Amino acid sequence: MAKRPRLLLLDANAVFAAFRHGAWEALCASYEVVVPSIVVRTEAMFYESRETGRRVHLDLPALVESGVIVEYEATAAEIRAVLARFRPPFRQRVDPGEAEAIAYLLAHEDPALRFVTADGSAIEAVAMLGFSESAMCLADALRLCGHERTLLRQHRPEFIREHLEIGRRRFVTREGLA
């Protein structure tokens, strides 16, 4: 039996969007979902429901404990090594959860791995490091598991394409790379 592809939900916004659109269960059933520890433990505690305006609490640690998702915890040295690959102005745009996810990507050079984020700087960083083929938007991940949804622009293919192109240009010109 073929190994399921991995889906890395990097930023809290991608996690929130999957829950908000009722697609979290479908993602977890279709992929091995890997979430950086920083997102699990600090960034994705709750989101505001657009429908009700109420705070919706998430318990990602319980999903880790039950085996629904996999938590990845990078060492401080691994995160420093990721950030050291960028010059200070760009480095400051890469949040800790994103740096931890990029550390996972670098440590697991797996062609089946898909890196899902709604953060332009993280998408650019991935392209700058030569991992453009691993980037995927949430809309495509949902479509591949049978959940077509209308999502905000940062979760759609055009956003990924735009930031991958910027990252590829930065790779060629070395702008932002250490």
Protein backbone atom coordinates (compact mmCIF):
# COMPACT_ATOMS: atom_id res chain seq x y z
CA MET A 1 0.00 0.00 0.00
CA ALA A 2 1.35 3.44 -0.94
CA LYS A 3 2.37 5.80 1.82
CA ARG A 4 0.02 8.74 2.24
CA PRO A 5 1.55 12.10 1.29
CA ARG A 6 2.35 14.37 4.21
CA LEU A 7 0.65 17.72 4.55
CA LEU A 8 2.37 20.34 6.62
CA LEU A 9 -0.05 22.97 7.86
CA LEU A 10 2.47 25.63 8.71
CA ASP A 11 0.71 28.67 9.94
CA ALA A 12 -2.21 29.02 12.24
CA ASN A 13 -4.23 30.69 9.46
CA ALA A 14 -4.20 27.50 7.37
CA VAL A 15 -5.29 25.48 10.40
CA PHE A 16 -8.03 28.00 11.18
CA ALA A 17 -9.26 28.05 7.58
CA ALA A 18 -9.50 24.25 7.48
CA PHE A 19 -11.57 24.24 10.68
CA ARG A 20 -13.62 27.27 9.62
CA HIS A 21 -14.61 25.60 6.34
CA GLY A 22 -15.47 22.25 7.92
CA ALA A 23 -12.60 20.53 6.12
CA TRP A 24 -10.26 19.62 8.99
CA GLU A 25 -11.54 16.04 9.27
CA ALA A 26 -11.21 15.50 5.52
CA LEU A 27 -7.61 16.73 5.59
CA CYS A 28 -6.75 14.46 8.50
CA ALA A 29 -8.39 11.49 6.76
CA SER A 30 -6.60 12.16 3.46
CA TYR A 31 -3.14 13.15 4.67
CA GLU A 32 -0.70 12.65 7.47
CA VAL A 33 -1.00 16.12 8.97
CA VAL A 34 2.20 17.47 10.52
CA VAL A 35 1.97 20.68 12.55
CA PRO A 36 4.93 22.56 14.04
CA SER A 37 5.01 22.52 17.83
CA ILE A 38 4.92 26.31 18.05
CA VAL A 39 1.62 26.28 16.13
CA VAL A 40 0.23 23.41 18.23
CA ARG A 41 1.25 24.88 21.60
CA THR A 42 0.93 28.66 21.16
CA GLU A 43 -0.32 29.96 17.81
CA ALA A 44 -3.46 27.88 17.18
CA MET A 45 -5.27 28.05 20.49
CA PHE A 46 -8.46 29.62 19.07
CA TYR A 47 -9.90 31.58 16.17
CA GLU A 48 -12.81 33.97 15.77
CA SER A 49 -15.79 32.51 13.92
CA ARG A 50 -16.79 34.74 11.01
CA GLU A 51 -20.37 33.53 11.29
CA THR A 52 -20.97 34.05 15.00
CA GLY A 53 -18.13 36.39 15.98
CA ARG A 54 -17.41 34.01 18.86
CA ARG A 55 -14.08 32.58 19.85
CA VAL A 56 -13.71 28.92 18.85
CA HIS A 57 -11.16 27.09 20.99
CA LEU A 58 -8.94 24.44 19.44
CA ASP A 59 -7.23 21.64 21.31
CA LEU A 60 -4.46 20.63 18.93
CA PRO A 61 -2.46 18.99 21.77
CA ALA A 62 -5.36 16.55 22.23
CA LEU A 63 -5.27 15.78 18.49
CA VAL A 64 -1.56 15.06 18.83
CA GLU A 65 -2.16 12.79 21.85
CA SER A 66 -4.88 10.86 20.00
CA GLY A 67 -2.67 10.44 16.92
CA VAL A 68 -4.88 12.48 14.59
CA ILE A 69 -1.99 14.85 13.79
CA VAL A 70 1.77 14.70 14.22
CA GLU A 71 3.55 17.43 16.13
CA TYR A 72 7.05 18.38 14.99
CA GLU A 73 9.33 20.12 17.46
CA ALA A 74 12.53 21.53 16.03
CA THR A 75 15.49 22.19 18.30
CA ALA A 76 16.57 25.76 18.95
CA ALA A 77 19.71 25.02 16.93
CA GLU A 78 17.62 23.84 13.94
CA ILE A 79 15.51 26.99 14.03
CA ARG A 80 18.65 29.18 14.30
CA ALA A 81 20.15 27.29 11.34
CA VAL A 82 17.05 27.99 9.23
CA LEU A 83 17.02 31.68 10.12
CA ALA A 84 20.78 31.97 9.53
CA ARG A 85 20.17 31.15 5.86
CA PHE A 86 18.52 34.55 5.42
CA ARG A 87 19.78 38.12 5.78
CA PRO A 88 18.39 40.07 8.77
CA PRO A 89 15.71 42.11 6.93
CA PHE A 90 14.13 39.01 5.42
CA ARG A 91 14.84 36.85 8.49
CA GLN A 92 12.64 39.16 10.57
CA ARG A 93 9.69 38.33 8.31
CA VAL A 94 9.91 34.60 9.12
CA ASP A 95 7.92 33.88 12.29
CA PRO A 96 8.98 31.14 14.75
CA GLY A 97 6.25 28.70 13.64
CA GLU A 98 7.25 29.20 10.02
CA ALA A 99 10.94 28.71 10.84
CA GLU A 100 10.06 25.47 12.65
CA ALA A 101 8.07 24.25 9.66
CA ILE A 102 10.93 25.09 7.29
CA ALA A 103 13.27 23.15 9.60
CA TYR A 104 10.95 20.15 9.15
CA LEU A 105 10.97 20.63 5.38
CA LEU A 106 14.78 20.74 5.30
CA ALA A 107 15.13 17.71 7.57
CA HIS A 108 12.62 15.61 5.60
CA GLU A 109 13.48 16.17 1.95
CA ASP A 110 10.52 14.07 0.87
CA PRO A 111 9.01 14.64 -2.60
CA ALA A 112 5.58 13.61 -1.24
CA LEU A 113 5.68 16.38 1.40
CA ARG A 114 3.44 19.36 0.73
CA PHE A 115 4.07 22.60 2.58
CA VAL A 116 0.82 24.50 3.14
CA THR A 117 0.85 28.07 4.35
CA ALA A 118 -1.01 31.32 3.86
CA ASP A 119 2.07 33.42 4.62
CA GLY A 120 3.78 35.12 1.68
CA SER A 121 7.18 35.37 3.40
CA ALA A 122 7.17 31.66 4.24
CA ILE A 123 6.32 30.79 0.63
CA GLU A 124 9.13 33.05 -0.59
CA ALA A 125 11.56 31.47 1.91
CA VAL A 126 10.73 27.98 0.65
CA ALA A 127 11.37 29.08 -2.94
CA MET A 128 14.60 30.82 -1.93
CA LEU A 129 15.80 27.51 -0.45
CA GLY A 130 14.93 25.56 -3.60
CA PHE A 131 11.78 23.82 -2.36
CA SER A 132 9.17 25.47 -4.61
CA GLU A 133 7.78 22.10 -5.68
CA SER A 134 6.80 21.39 -2.06
CA ALA A 135 4.59 24.47 -1.73
CA MET A 136 0.83 23.96 -1.97
CA CYS A 137 -2.11 26.18 -1.15
CA LEU A 138 -4.90 25.05 1.15
CA ALA A 139 -7.45 25.28 -1.68
CA ASP A 140 -5.51 22.70 -3.71
CA ALA A 141 -5.06 20.42 -0.68
CA LEU A 142 -8.81 20.56 -0.04
CA ARG A 143 -9.63 19.97 -3.70
CA LEU A 144 -7.40 16.88 -3.77
CA CYS A 145 -9.32 15.39 -0.86
CA GLY A 146 -12.74 16.22 -2.31
CA HIS A 147 -13.52 19.42 -0.42
CA GLU A 148 -13.89 22.27 -2.91
CA ARG A 149 -14.25 25.52 -0.98
CA THR A 150 -14.13 29.21 -1.77
CA LEU A 151 -11.27 30.48 0.35
CA LEU A 152 -9.63 33.82 0.97
CA ARG A 153 -6.97 34.85 -1.55
CA GLN A 154 -4.02 33.83 0.68
CA HIS A 155 -5.24 30.21 0.56
CA ARG A 156 -5.60 30.04 -3.26
CA PRO A 157 -3.22 29.04 -6.08
CA GLU A 158 -2.62 32.56 -7.41
CA PHE A 159 -1.24 33.69 -4.02
CA ILE A 160 1.18 30.74 -3.90
CA ARG A 161 2.28 31.34 -7.52
CA GLU A 162 2.88 35.04 -6.87
CA HIS A 163 5.05 34.45 -3.80
CA LEU A 164 6.90 31.50 -5.33
CA GLU A 165 7.88 33.75 -8.23
CA ILE A 166 9.15 36.42 -5.83
CA GLY A 167 11.10 33.78 -3.91
CA ARG A 168 12.61 32.35 -7.11
CA ARG A 169 13.75 35.84 -8.15
CA ARG A 170 15.30 36.31 -4.70
CA PHE A 171 17.07 32.96 -5.10
CA VAL A 172 18.60 34.04 -8.41
CA THR A 173 19.57 37.52 -7.24
CA ARG A 174 20.52 36.25 -3.73
CA GLU A 175 18.39 39.07 -2.28
CA GLY A 176 17.55 38.12 1.29
CA LEU A 177 19.81 35.05 1.37
CA ALA A 178 22.80 35.00 3.70
